[in-house]
């Protein structure tokens, strides 16, 4: 005879509730954007389970796993190779936080494997890549969302709506600018590949080049 739900531990019981509806997710790219994912992933009301944390840099995998461990009562798998993550049929949705040159390629790979995709901006390097991504979304009939916080900000939505409603008449030209205090982009110099970095896999679909560091 099967035991009732009350015979389960609190931890096990939480994993049973809504198990059929729980979204199994994977994240690739554990650098500076990963911190934005911690709270949404851990929030019980979102009903998601993080199966994989993937990055080509060992130190970033270790760091992200340690930070995530403070929020979860289970342990996601750590993986170096994005291809192994996408091959797992259990993964429903894929968060693509990788460097820009992996955005279109990684997202298309995920779509081919039947995953829904969230991809950081920019979703492509050029219009040709963008068209391939749109075509893949239509072919595999999955949901794709590009992270573009400015467009989803309430004040931006309000302003755009007002412009569409004619508050300034018919607009003919738009000028946009961005100001910050990041400083100048440093010059790159040839350097040894850092320990724990899979440089070949990092380059992925990009043209091959020697590793350089910013100094």
N, C-alpha and C. Protein backbone atom coordinates (compact mmCIF):
# COMPACT_ATOMS: atom_id res chain seq x y z
N UNK A 1 0.85 -1.20 0.00
CA UNK A 1 0.00 0.00 0.00
C UNK A 1 0.88 1.24 0.00
N UNK A 2 0.53 2.25 -0.83
CA UNK A 2 1.32 3.47 -0.89
C UNK A 2 1.00 4.35 0.31
N UNK A 3 2.05 4.98 0.84
CA UNK A 3 1.85 5.86 1.98
C UNK A 3 1.20 7.15 1.55
N UNK A 4 0.51 7.81 2.45
CA UNK A 4 -0.13 9.10 2.17
C UNK A 4 0.91 10.20 2.09
N UNK A 5 0.48 11.37 1.59
CA UNK A 5 1.39 12.50 1.43
C UNK A 5 1.99 12.92 2.75
N UNK A 6 1.24 12.71 3.85
CA UNK A 6 1.72 13.16 5.15
C UNK A 6 2.88 12.34 5.64
N UNK A 7 3.15 11.18 4.99
CA UNK A 7 4.27 10.35 5.40
C UNK A 7 5.57 10.83 4.78
N UNK A 8 5.47 11.79 3.85
CA UNK A 8 6.65 12.32 3.20
C UNK A 8 7.28 13.42 4.04
N UNK A 9 8.58 13.60 3.84
CA UNK A 9 9.25 14.70 4.50
C UNK A 9 8.78 16.01 3.88
N UNK A 10 8.98 17.12 4.57
CA UNK A 10 8.57 18.43 4.06
C UNK A 10 9.25 18.72 2.73
N UNK A 11 10.53 18.37 2.64
CA UNK A 11 11.28 18.62 1.41
C UNK A 11 10.71 17.81 0.25
N UNK A 12 10.41 16.53 0.49
CA UNK A 12 9.87 15.67 -0.57
C UNK A 12 8.47 16.11 -0.97
N UNK A 13 7.67 16.53 0.02
CA UNK A 13 6.30 16.93 -0.25
C UNK A 13 6.24 18.14 -1.17
N UNK A 14 7.17 19.08 -0.96
CA UNK A 14 7.21 20.28 -1.80
C UNK A 14 7.52 19.93 -3.25
N UNK A 15 8.28 18.86 -3.47
CA UNK A 15 8.63 18.48 -4.83
C UNK A 15 7.50 17.72 -5.51
N UNK A 16 6.58 17.15 -4.71
CA UNK A 16 5.46 16.40 -5.28
C UNK A 16 4.37 17.35 -5.77
N UNK A 17 4.07 18.38 -4.99
CA UNK A 17 3.00 19.30 -5.34
C UNK A 17 3.28 19.98 -6.68
N UNK A 18 2.35 19.84 -7.62
CA UNK A 18 2.48 20.48 -8.91
C UNK A 18 3.59 19.92 -9.78
N UNK A 19 4.06 18.71 -9.47
CA UNK A 19 5.20 18.15 -10.20
C UNK A 19 4.93 18.07 -11.70
N UNK A 20 3.69 17.75 -12.08
CA UNK A 20 3.37 17.62 -13.50
C UNK A 20 3.39 18.96 -14.23
N UNK A 21 3.23 20.05 -13.48
CA UNK A 21 3.20 21.37 -14.08
C UNK A 21 4.51 22.11 -13.91
N UNK A 22 5.42 21.56 -13.14
CA UNK A 22 6.67 22.26 -12.86
C UNK A 22 7.51 22.36 -14.13
N UNK A 23 8.07 23.54 -14.36
CA UNK A 23 8.89 23.79 -15.54
C UNK A 23 10.35 23.48 -15.19
N UNK A 24 10.94 22.57 -15.94
CA UNK A 24 12.33 22.20 -15.73
C UNK A 24 13.21 23.12 -16.58
N UNK A 25 14.11 23.85 -15.95
CA UNK A 25 14.87 24.85 -16.67
C UNK A 25 16.37 24.61 -16.57
N UNK A 26 17.09 25.21 -17.50
CA UNK A 26 18.54 25.18 -17.51
C UNK A 26 19.06 26.57 -17.83
N UNK A 27 20.18 26.92 -17.23
CA UNK A 27 20.80 28.22 -17.48
C UNK A 27 22.20 28.01 -18.03
N UNK A 28 22.52 28.70 -19.12
CA UNK A 28 23.88 28.68 -19.67
C UNK A 28 24.41 30.10 -19.65
N UNK A 29 25.61 30.27 -19.10
CA UNK A 29 26.18 31.60 -18.97
C UNK A 29 26.01 32.09 -17.55
N UNK A 30 27.02 31.87 -16.72
CA UNK A 30 26.90 32.16 -15.28
C UNK A 30 27.75 33.35 -14.86
N UNK A 31 27.88 34.31 -15.77
CA UNK A 31 28.67 35.51 -15.49
C UNK A 31 27.86 36.60 -14.83
N UNK A 32 27.98 37.82 -15.32
CA UNK A 32 27.40 38.97 -14.62
C UNK A 32 25.88 39.04 -14.66
N UNK A 33 25.21 38.30 -15.54
CA UNK A 33 23.75 38.35 -15.60
C UNK A 33 23.06 37.30 -14.73
N UNK A 34 23.82 36.35 -14.22
CA UNK A 34 23.19 35.24 -13.49
C UNK A 34 22.47 35.69 -12.22
N UNK A 35 22.98 36.73 -11.56
CA UNK A 35 22.38 37.17 -10.29
C UNK A 35 20.92 37.59 -10.46
N UNK A 36 20.55 38.04 -11.66
CA UNK A 36 19.16 38.44 -11.91
C UNK A 36 18.22 37.24 -11.93
N UNK A 37 18.78 36.04 -12.05
CA UNK A 37 17.97 34.82 -12.15
C UNK A 37 17.73 34.15 -10.80
N UNK A 38 18.53 34.48 -9.81
CA UNK A 38 18.47 33.76 -8.54
C UNK A 38 17.07 33.80 -7.90
N UNK A 39 16.55 34.98 -7.67
CA UNK A 39 15.25 35.09 -6.99
C UNK A 39 14.10 34.49 -7.80
N UNK A 40 13.98 34.79 -9.12
CA UNK A 40 12.88 34.18 -9.88
C UNK A 40 12.93 32.65 -9.89
N UNK A 41 14.13 32.08 -9.98
CA UNK A 41 14.26 30.63 -9.99
C UNK A 41 13.84 30.04 -8.65
N UNK A 42 14.22 30.70 -7.56
CA UNK A 42 13.95 30.17 -6.23
C UNK A 42 12.52 30.42 -5.75
N UNK A 43 11.83 31.36 -6.37
CA UNK A 43 10.48 31.71 -5.93
C UNK A 43 9.52 30.54 -6.14
N UNK A 44 8.94 30.05 -5.06
CA UNK A 44 8.07 28.86 -5.13
C UNK A 44 6.88 29.06 -6.05
N UNK A 45 6.33 30.27 -6.08
CA UNK A 45 5.15 30.52 -6.89
C UNK A 45 5.42 30.39 -8.39
N UNK A 46 6.68 30.47 -8.80
CA UNK A 46 7.02 30.30 -10.21
C UNK A 46 7.06 28.84 -10.62
N UNK A 47 7.12 27.94 -9.63
CA UNK A 47 7.02 26.50 -9.86
C UNK A 47 8.00 26.00 -10.93
N UNK A 48 9.26 26.39 -10.78
CA UNK A 48 10.30 25.90 -11.68
C UNK A 48 11.35 25.11 -10.90
N UNK A 49 12.01 24.22 -11.59
CA UNK A 49 13.11 23.47 -11.01
C UNK A 49 14.33 23.65 -11.91
N UNK A 50 15.42 24.08 -11.31
CA UNK A 50 16.65 24.32 -12.06
C UNK A 50 17.43 23.02 -12.17
N UNK A 51 17.48 22.46 -13.38
CA UNK A 51 18.17 21.20 -13.59
C UNK A 51 19.66 21.38 -13.83
N UNK A 52 20.02 22.43 -14.59
CA UNK A 52 21.42 22.62 -14.98
C UNK A 52 21.88 24.06 -14.80
N UNK A 53 23.14 24.20 -14.42
CA UNK A 53 23.85 25.48 -14.46
C UNK A 53 25.09 25.22 -15.30
N UNK A 54 25.18 25.91 -16.44
CA UNK A 54 26.22 25.60 -17.43
C UNK A 54 27.10 26.82 -17.71
N UNK A 55 28.40 26.59 -17.77
CA UNK A 55 29.33 27.65 -18.13
C UNK A 55 30.66 27.00 -18.54
N UNK A 56 31.35 27.65 -19.48
CA UNK A 56 32.63 27.10 -19.95
C UNK A 56 33.78 27.44 -19.00
N UNK A 57 33.50 28.26 -17.98
CA UNK A 57 34.53 28.64 -17.01
C UNK A 57 34.22 27.98 -15.67
N UNK A 58 35.13 27.13 -15.23
CA UNK A 58 34.90 26.36 -14.01
C UNK A 58 34.64 27.26 -12.81
N UNK A 59 35.40 28.33 -12.65
CA UNK A 59 35.25 29.19 -11.49
C UNK A 59 33.87 29.83 -11.44
N UNK A 60 33.29 30.12 -12.61
CA UNK A 60 31.95 30.71 -12.62
C UNK A 60 30.89 29.68 -12.28
N UNK A 61 31.10 28.44 -12.67
CA UNK A 61 30.17 27.38 -12.28
C UNK A 61 30.16 27.21 -10.77
N UNK A 62 31.34 27.17 -10.18
CA UNK A 62 31.48 26.96 -8.74
C UNK A 62 30.86 28.13 -7.98
N UNK A 63 31.15 29.35 -8.42
CA UNK A 63 30.66 30.55 -7.74
C UNK A 63 29.13 30.62 -7.79
N UNK A 64 28.56 30.40 -8.97
CA UNK A 64 27.12 30.47 -9.13
C UNK A 64 26.41 29.38 -8.34
N UNK A 65 26.98 28.19 -8.35
CA UNK A 65 26.39 27.07 -7.61
C UNK A 65 26.36 27.38 -6.10
N UNK A 66 27.43 27.96 -5.62
CA UNK A 66 27.52 28.31 -4.19
C UNK A 66 26.47 29.35 -3.82
N UNK A 67 26.29 30.35 -4.68
CA UNK A 67 25.30 31.39 -4.41
C UNK A 67 23.88 30.85 -4.51
N UNK A 68 23.64 29.98 -5.48
CA UNK A 68 22.31 29.43 -5.67
C UNK A 68 21.94 28.47 -4.54
N UNK A 69 22.94 27.81 -3.96
CA UNK A 69 22.70 26.84 -2.90
C UNK A 69 22.05 27.47 -1.68
N UNK A 70 22.22 28.76 -1.50
CA UNK A 70 21.61 29.44 -0.35
C UNK A 70 20.11 29.65 -0.53
N UNK A 71 19.62 29.44 -1.76
CA UNK A 71 18.21 29.70 -2.06
C UNK A 71 17.42 28.44 -2.37
N UNK A 72 18.09 27.35 -2.72
CA UNK A 72 17.41 26.12 -3.12
C UNK A 72 17.60 25.02 -2.09
N UNK A 73 16.65 24.09 -2.05
CA UNK A 73 16.78 22.93 -1.17
C UNK A 73 17.13 21.69 -1.98
N UNK A 74 17.68 21.88 -3.17
CA UNK A 74 18.18 20.80 -4.01
C UNK A 74 19.40 21.33 -4.77
N UNK A 75 20.10 20.43 -5.45
CA UNK A 75 21.34 20.82 -6.12
C UNK A 75 21.26 20.60 -7.62
N UNK A 76 21.30 21.69 -8.42
CA UNK A 76 21.30 21.55 -9.89
C UNK A 76 22.61 20.90 -10.35
N UNK A 77 22.57 20.31 -11.54
CA UNK A 77 23.78 19.73 -12.11
C UNK A 77 24.65 20.85 -12.71
N UNK A 78 25.96 20.73 -12.54
CA UNK A 78 26.89 21.68 -13.14
C UNK A 78 27.44 21.06 -14.42
N UNK A 79 27.43 21.84 -15.50
CA UNK A 79 27.86 21.32 -16.79
C UNK A 79 28.70 22.35 -17.53
N UNK A 80 29.69 21.85 -18.25
CA UNK A 80 30.58 22.69 -19.05
C UNK A 80 30.05 22.89 -20.47
N UNK A 81 29.43 21.86 -21.02
CA UNK A 81 29.07 21.83 -22.43
C UNK A 81 27.58 22.08 -22.64
N UNK A 82 27.25 23.15 -23.31
CA UNK A 82 25.86 23.52 -23.57
C UNK A 82 25.13 22.42 -24.35
N UNK A 83 25.84 21.71 -25.19
CA UNK A 83 25.21 20.67 -26.01
C UNK A 83 24.65 19.54 -25.15
N UNK A 84 25.36 19.18 -24.10
CA UNK A 84 24.89 18.12 -23.21
C UNK A 84 23.63 18.55 -22.46
N UNK A 85 23.57 19.82 -22.12
CA UNK A 85 22.38 20.35 -21.44
C UNK A 85 21.16 20.27 -22.35
N UNK A 86 21.34 20.70 -23.59
CA UNK A 86 20.22 20.75 -24.52
C UNK A 86 19.77 19.36 -24.98
N UNK A 87 20.63 18.38 -24.88
CA UNK A 87 20.26 17.01 -25.25
C UNK A 87 19.32 16.37 -24.23
N UNK A 88 19.27 16.92 -23.02
CA UNK A 88 18.46 16.34 -21.96
C UNK A 88 16.98 16.65 -22.22
N UNK A 89 16.19 15.62 -22.46
CA UNK A 89 14.78 15.79 -22.79
C UNK A 89 13.97 16.33 -21.62
N UNK A 90 14.50 16.26 -20.42
CA UNK A 90 13.78 16.76 -19.25
C UNK A 90 13.73 18.28 -19.21
N UNK A 91 14.65 18.93 -19.89
CA UNK A 91 14.70 20.39 -19.87
C UNK A 91 13.58 20.97 -20.74
N UNK A 92 12.72 21.76 -20.12
CA UNK A 92 11.61 22.39 -20.84
C UNK A 92 12.00 23.76 -21.40
N UNK A 93 12.75 24.52 -20.61
CA UNK A 93 13.07 25.90 -20.99
C UNK A 93 14.54 26.18 -20.75
N UNK A 94 15.10 27.01 -21.63
CA UNK A 94 16.53 27.29 -21.62
C UNK A 94 16.76 28.78 -21.50
N UNK A 95 17.53 29.18 -20.50
CA UNK A 95 17.90 30.58 -20.30
C UNK A 95 19.29 30.79 -20.90
N UNK A 96 19.36 31.58 -21.96
CA UNK A 96 20.61 31.78 -22.67
C UNK A 96 21.25 33.11 -22.24
N UNK A 97 22.17 33.02 -21.27
CA UNK A 97 22.86 34.21 -20.75
C UNK A 97 24.31 34.22 -21.19
N UNK A 98 24.61 33.51 -22.25
CA UNK A 98 25.98 33.37 -22.76
C UNK A 98 26.45 34.68 -23.41
N UNK A 99 27.75 34.78 -23.76
CA UNK A 99 28.23 35.95 -24.51
C UNK A 99 27.48 36.11 -25.83
N UNK A 100 27.50 37.33 -26.36
CA UNK A 100 26.67 37.69 -27.51
C UNK A 100 26.80 36.75 -28.70
N UNK A 101 28.01 36.28 -29.00
CA UNK A 101 28.19 35.47 -30.21
C UNK A 101 27.52 34.10 -30.11
N UNK A 102 27.09 33.73 -28.90
CA UNK A 102 26.39 32.47 -28.69
C UNK A 102 24.86 32.65 -28.66
N UNK A 103 24.38 33.89 -28.69
CA UNK A 103 22.95 34.12 -28.50
C UNK A 103 22.08 33.45 -29.56
N UNK A 104 22.30 33.79 -30.82
CA UNK A 104 21.46 33.22 -31.89
C UNK A 104 21.70 31.72 -32.03
N UNK A 105 22.97 31.33 -32.08
CA UNK A 105 23.31 29.92 -32.28
C UNK A 105 22.80 29.05 -31.15
N UNK A 106 23.07 29.45 -29.91
CA UNK A 106 22.62 28.67 -28.76
C UNK A 106 21.11 28.58 -28.68
N UNK A 107 20.43 29.66 -29.02
CA UNK A 107 18.97 29.67 -28.97
C UNK A 107 18.37 28.76 -30.04
N UNK A 108 18.94 28.79 -31.24
CA UNK A 108 18.46 27.92 -32.31
C UNK A 108 18.70 26.45 -31.96
N UNK A 109 19.87 26.17 -31.38
CA UNK A 109 20.16 24.81 -30.93
C UNK A 109 19.12 24.34 -29.92
N UNK A 110 18.74 25.23 -29.01
CA UNK A 110 17.75 24.88 -27.99
C UNK A 110 16.38 24.63 -28.61
N UNK A 111 16.01 25.46 -29.57
CA UNK A 111 14.72 25.28 -30.24
C UNK A 111 14.66 23.95 -30.96
N UNK A 112 15.75 23.57 -31.60
CA UNK A 112 15.79 22.29 -32.30
C UNK A 112 15.58 21.12 -31.35
N UNK A 113 15.99 21.32 -30.10
CA UNK A 113 15.82 20.27 -29.10
C UNK A 113 14.48 20.38 -28.36
N UNK A 114 13.62 21.28 -28.83
CA UNK A 114 12.28 21.39 -28.28
C UNK A 114 12.16 22.24 -27.02
N UNK A 115 13.14 23.10 -26.78
CA UNK A 115 13.11 23.93 -25.58
C UNK A 115 12.48 25.30 -25.88
N UNK A 116 11.79 25.85 -24.88
CA UNK A 116 11.41 27.25 -24.93
C UNK A 116 12.66 28.04 -24.55
N UNK A 117 12.77 29.28 -25.04
CA UNK A 117 14.03 30.01 -24.88
C UNK A 117 13.81 31.43 -24.36
N UNK A 118 14.63 31.79 -23.37
CA UNK A 118 14.81 33.19 -23.00
C UNK A 118 16.25 33.52 -23.36
N UNK A 119 16.44 34.57 -24.17
CA UNK A 119 17.79 34.93 -24.59
C UNK A 119 18.05 36.39 -24.26
N UNK A 120 19.22 36.66 -23.71
CA UNK A 120 19.59 38.04 -23.41
C UNK A 120 19.78 38.82 -24.70
N UNK A 121 19.61 40.13 -24.62
CA UNK A 121 19.88 40.98 -25.78
C UNK A 121 21.40 41.12 -25.97
N UNK A 122 21.86 41.30 -27.19
CA UNK A 122 21.12 41.24 -28.45
C UNK A 122 20.87 39.79 -28.84
N UNK A 123 19.74 39.53 -29.49
CA UNK A 123 19.44 38.14 -29.83
C UNK A 123 20.25 37.67 -31.03
N UNK A 124 20.95 38.60 -31.71
CA UNK A 124 21.75 38.20 -32.86
C UNK A 124 22.84 39.23 -33.13
N UNK A 125 23.81 38.86 -33.95
CA UNK A 125 24.87 39.78 -34.37
C UNK A 125 24.45 40.59 -35.58
N UNK A 126 23.55 40.06 -36.35
CA UNK A 126 23.14 40.72 -37.58
C UNK A 126 21.73 40.26 -37.97
N UNK A 127 21.16 40.88 -38.99
CA UNK A 127 19.79 40.57 -39.39
C UNK A 127 19.66 39.15 -39.93
N UNK A 128 20.71 38.63 -40.57
CA UNK A 128 20.64 37.27 -41.10
C UNK A 128 20.46 36.27 -39.95
N UNK A 129 21.24 36.43 -38.87
CA UNK A 129 21.08 35.57 -37.71
C UNK A 129 19.69 35.73 -37.10
N UNK A 130 19.23 36.96 -37.06
CA UNK A 130 17.92 37.23 -36.48
C UNK A 130 16.82 36.52 -37.26
N UNK A 131 16.93 36.54 -38.58
CA UNK A 131 15.94 35.87 -39.43
C UNK A 131 15.97 34.36 -39.22
N UNK A 132 17.18 33.81 -39.02
CA UNK A 132 17.30 32.37 -38.76
C UNK A 132 16.63 32.00 -37.44
N UNK A 133 16.79 32.87 -36.44
CA UNK A 133 16.19 32.61 -35.13
C UNK A 133 14.67 32.66 -35.21
N UNK A 134 14.15 33.65 -35.92
CA UNK A 134 12.70 33.76 -36.09
C UNK A 134 12.16 32.55 -36.85
N UNK A 135 12.88 32.13 -37.88
CA UNK A 135 12.45 30.95 -38.66
C UNK A 135 12.45 29.70 -37.80
N UNK A 136 13.46 29.56 -36.94
CA UNK A 136 13.52 28.39 -36.06
C UNK A 136 12.38 28.40 -35.05
N UNK A 137 12.05 29.58 -34.55
CA UNK A 137 10.93 29.69 -33.60
C UNK A 137 9.63 29.22 -34.25
N UNK A 138 9.43 29.62 -35.49
CA UNK A 138 8.21 29.23 -36.19
C UNK A 138 8.22 27.74 -36.53
N UNK A 139 9.38 27.24 -36.94
CA UNK A 139 9.48 25.83 -37.34
C UNK A 139 9.24 24.90 -36.17
N UNK A 140 9.83 25.21 -35.02
CA UNK A 140 9.74 24.30 -33.88
C UNK A 140 8.64 24.68 -32.90
N UNK A 141 7.95 25.79 -33.18
CA UNK A 141 6.75 26.20 -32.43
C UNK A 141 7.01 26.27 -30.92
N UNK A 142 8.06 26.96 -30.55
CA UNK A 142 8.40 27.17 -29.15
C UNK A 142 8.30 28.66 -28.83
N UNK A 143 8.23 28.97 -27.55
CA UNK A 143 8.19 30.37 -27.12
C UNK A 143 9.62 30.90 -27.01
N UNK A 144 9.86 32.08 -27.58
CA UNK A 144 11.16 32.73 -27.48
C UNK A 144 10.96 34.15 -26.96
N UNK A 145 11.70 34.50 -25.94
CA UNK A 145 11.63 35.86 -25.41
C UNK A 145 13.05 36.42 -25.31
N UNK A 146 13.22 37.63 -25.83
CA UNK A 146 14.51 38.31 -25.69
C UNK A 146 14.43 39.27 -24.51
N UNK A 147 15.45 39.26 -23.66
CA UNK A 147 15.48 40.16 -22.53
C UNK A 147 15.72 41.59 -22.98
N UNK A 148 14.74 42.44 -22.82
CA UNK A 148 14.88 43.84 -23.21
C UNK A 148 14.14 44.68 -22.16
N UNK A 149 14.75 44.90 -20.99
CA UNK A 149 14.06 45.53 -19.87
C UNK A 149 13.51 46.92 -20.17
N UNK A 150 14.17 47.67 -21.05
CA UNK A 150 13.68 49.02 -21.33
C UNK A 150 12.28 48.99 -21.94
N UNK A 151 12.03 48.02 -22.80
CA UNK A 151 10.73 47.93 -23.46
C UNK A 151 9.63 47.47 -22.50
N UNK A 152 10.00 46.76 -21.45
CA UNK A 152 9.00 46.26 -20.51
C UNK A 152 8.85 47.17 -19.29
N UNK A 153 9.65 48.25 -19.21
CA UNK A 153 9.54 49.19 -18.10
C UNK A 153 8.23 49.98 -18.21
N UNK A 154 7.55 50.16 -17.09
CA UNK A 154 6.23 50.81 -17.11
C UNK A 154 6.29 52.23 -17.69
N UNK A 155 7.33 52.98 -17.33
CA UNK A 155 7.39 54.37 -17.83
C UNK A 155 7.61 54.39 -19.34
N UNK A 156 8.39 53.40 -19.86
CA UNK A 156 8.62 53.34 -21.30
C UNK A 156 7.32 53.00 -22.03
N UNK A 157 6.58 52.05 -21.50
CA UNK A 157 5.31 51.65 -22.11
C UNK A 157 4.34 52.83 -22.15
N UNK A 158 4.31 53.59 -21.05
CA UNK A 158 3.41 54.75 -20.97
C UNK A 158 3.79 55.82 -21.99
N UNK A 159 5.09 56.09 -22.12
CA UNK A 159 5.55 57.12 -23.06
C UNK A 159 5.27 56.71 -24.50
N UNK A 160 5.60 55.46 -24.85
CA UNK A 160 5.37 54.98 -26.22
C UNK A 160 3.89 55.00 -26.58
N UNK A 161 3.05 54.63 -25.62
CA UNK A 161 1.61 54.64 -25.86
C UNK A 161 1.14 56.07 -26.15
N UNK A 162 1.65 57.02 -25.38
CA UNK A 162 1.26 58.41 -25.57
C UNK A 162 1.70 58.92 -26.96
N UNK A 163 2.91 58.52 -27.38
CA UNK A 163 3.39 58.92 -28.70
C UNK A 163 2.53 58.31 -29.79
N UNK A 164 2.17 57.03 -29.64
CA UNK A 164 1.31 56.37 -30.62
C UNK A 164 -0.07 57.03 -30.68
N UNK A 165 -0.50 57.59 -29.57
CA UNK A 165 -1.81 58.25 -29.52
C UNK A 165 -1.74 59.70 -29.98
N UNK A 166 -0.57 60.15 -30.45
CA UNK A 166 -0.46 61.46 -31.07
C UNK A 166 -0.10 62.62 -30.17
N UNK A 167 0.45 62.37 -28.99
CA UNK A 167 0.73 63.46 -28.05
C UNK A 167 1.71 64.49 -28.63
N UNK A 168 2.61 64.06 -29.53
CA UNK A 168 3.56 65.00 -30.16
C UNK A 168 3.35 65.08 -31.67
N UNK A 169 2.18 64.64 -32.11
CA UNK A 169 1.91 64.65 -33.55
C UNK A 169 2.54 63.44 -34.22
N UNK A 170 2.87 63.58 -35.48
CA UNK A 170 3.49 62.48 -36.22
C UNK A 170 5.01 62.56 -36.10
N UNK A 171 5.63 61.59 -35.45
CA UNK A 171 7.10 61.63 -35.30
C UNK A 171 7.80 61.26 -36.61
N UNK A 172 8.87 62.00 -36.94
CA UNK A 172 9.62 61.74 -38.15
C UNK A 172 11.03 61.25 -37.86
N UNK A 173 11.51 61.51 -36.67
CA UNK A 173 12.88 61.14 -36.35
C UNK A 173 13.01 60.89 -34.85
N UNK A 174 13.80 59.87 -34.49
CA UNK A 174 14.06 59.57 -33.08
C UNK A 174 15.56 59.53 -32.86
N UNK A 175 16.02 60.14 -31.79
CA UNK A 175 17.43 60.15 -31.43
C UNK A 175 17.58 59.54 -30.05
N UNK A 176 18.44 58.52 -29.93
CA UNK A 176 18.64 57.86 -28.64
C UNK A 176 20.10 57.97 -28.24
N UNK A 177 20.36 58.07 -26.96
CA UNK A 177 21.73 58.10 -26.47
C UNK A 177 21.80 57.40 -25.12
N UNK A 178 23.00 56.98 -24.77
CA UNK A 178 23.21 56.25 -23.52
C UNK A 178 24.47 56.80 -22.86
N UNK A 179 24.37 57.14 -21.60
CA UNK A 179 25.50 57.72 -20.89
C UNK A 179 25.83 56.89 -19.65
N UNK A 180 27.11 56.60 -19.45
CA UNK A 180 27.51 55.86 -18.25
C UNK A 180 28.93 56.24 -17.88
N UNK A 181 29.42 55.65 -16.81
CA UNK A 181 30.76 55.96 -16.31
C UNK A 181 31.67 54.74 -16.36
N UNK A 182 31.56 53.92 -17.39
CA UNK A 182 32.35 52.70 -17.49
C UNK A 182 33.81 52.97 -17.88
N UNK A 183 34.08 54.10 -18.47
CA UNK A 183 35.45 54.38 -18.89
C UNK A 183 35.72 53.79 -20.27
N UNK A 184 36.92 54.04 -20.79
CA UNK A 184 37.25 53.58 -22.12
C UNK A 184 37.48 52.06 -22.15
N UNK A 185 37.24 51.47 -23.30
CA UNK A 185 37.45 50.04 -23.48
C UNK A 185 38.96 49.77 -23.51
N UNK A 186 39.46 48.89 -22.64
CA UNK A 186 40.91 48.64 -22.60
C UNK A 186 41.41 47.90 -23.83
N UNK A 187 42.69 48.06 -24.13
CA UNK A 187 43.30 47.34 -25.25
C UNK A 187 43.57 45.90 -24.83
N UNK A 188 43.35 44.98 -25.76
CA UNK A 188 43.57 43.57 -25.48
C UNK A 188 44.99 43.15 -25.85
N UNK A 189 45.53 42.26 -25.06
CA UNK A 189 46.87 41.74 -25.32
C UNK A 189 46.85 40.22 -25.23
N UNK A 190 47.70 39.58 -26.01
CA UNK A 190 47.78 38.12 -25.99
C UNK A 190 48.11 37.64 -24.59
N UNK A 191 47.49 36.54 -24.18
CA UNK A 191 47.70 36.02 -22.84
C UNK A 191 47.44 34.52 -22.83
N UNK A 192 47.88 33.89 -21.75
CA UNK A 192 47.62 32.45 -21.59
C UNK A 192 46.15 32.23 -21.27
N UNK A 193 45.60 31.13 -21.75
CA UNK A 193 44.21 30.79 -21.46
C UNK A 193 44.07 30.52 -19.96
N UNK A 194 43.15 31.19 -19.28
CA UNK A 194 42.99 30.99 -17.83
C UNK A 194 42.68 29.54 -17.48
N UNK A 195 43.15 29.11 -16.34
CA UNK A 195 42.87 27.77 -15.87
C UNK A 195 41.37 27.58 -15.68
N UNK A 196 40.87 26.47 -16.18
CA UNK A 196 39.44 26.16 -16.01
C UNK A 196 38.55 26.68 -17.11
N UNK A 197 39.11 27.42 -18.10
CA UNK A 197 38.31 27.94 -19.21
C UNK A 197 38.44 27.04 -20.43
N UNK A 198 37.30 26.59 -20.95
CA UNK A 198 37.27 25.83 -22.20
C UNK A 198 37.20 26.86 -23.33
N UNK A 199 38.35 27.32 -23.78
CA UNK A 199 38.41 28.40 -24.76
C UNK A 199 37.82 27.99 -26.11
N UNK A 200 38.02 26.75 -26.51
CA UNK A 200 37.47 26.27 -27.77
C UNK A 200 35.95 26.32 -27.73
N UNK A 201 35.35 25.85 -26.65
CA UNK A 201 33.90 25.85 -26.53
C UNK A 201 33.36 27.27 -26.35
N UNK A 202 34.12 28.12 -25.67
CA UNK A 202 33.71 29.51 -25.51
C UNK A 202 33.53 30.18 -26.87
N UNK A 203 34.47 29.93 -27.78
CA UNK A 203 34.41 30.55 -29.11
C UNK A 203 33.22 30.05 -29.92
N UNK A 204 32.86 28.76 -29.72
CA UNK A 204 31.66 28.23 -30.35
C UNK A 204 31.55 28.54 -31.82
N UNK A 205 30.51 29.31 -32.22
CA UNK A 205 30.28 29.61 -33.64
C UNK A 205 31.15 30.74 -34.18
N UNK A 206 31.95 31.37 -33.33
CA UNK A 206 32.75 32.52 -33.76
C UNK A 206 34.00 32.09 -34.52
N UNK A 207 34.58 33.03 -35.26
CA UNK A 207 35.85 32.79 -35.95
C UNK A 207 36.94 32.54 -34.90
N UNK A 208 37.78 31.53 -35.13
CA UNK A 208 38.80 31.17 -34.16
C UNK A 208 39.89 32.23 -34.04
N UNK A 209 40.35 32.47 -32.81
CA UNK A 209 41.38 33.45 -32.54
C UNK A 209 42.12 33.06 -31.27
N UNK A 210 43.30 33.64 -31.08
CA UNK A 210 44.06 33.39 -29.85
C UNK A 210 43.40 34.13 -28.69
N UNK A 211 43.60 33.59 -27.50
CA UNK A 211 43.01 34.23 -26.31
C UNK A 211 43.74 35.54 -26.02
N UNK A 212 42.97 36.56 -25.66
CA UNK A 212 43.55 37.84 -25.25
C UNK A 212 42.89 38.30 -23.95
N UNK A 213 43.61 39.08 -23.20
CA UNK A 213 43.05 39.60 -21.96
C UNK A 213 42.92 41.12 -22.07
N UNK A 214 42.02 41.67 -21.29
CA UNK A 214 41.86 43.12 -21.25
C UNK A 214 42.78 43.68 -20.18
N UNK A 215 43.61 44.63 -20.51
CA UNK A 215 44.53 45.20 -19.55
C UNK A 215 44.34 46.71 -19.44
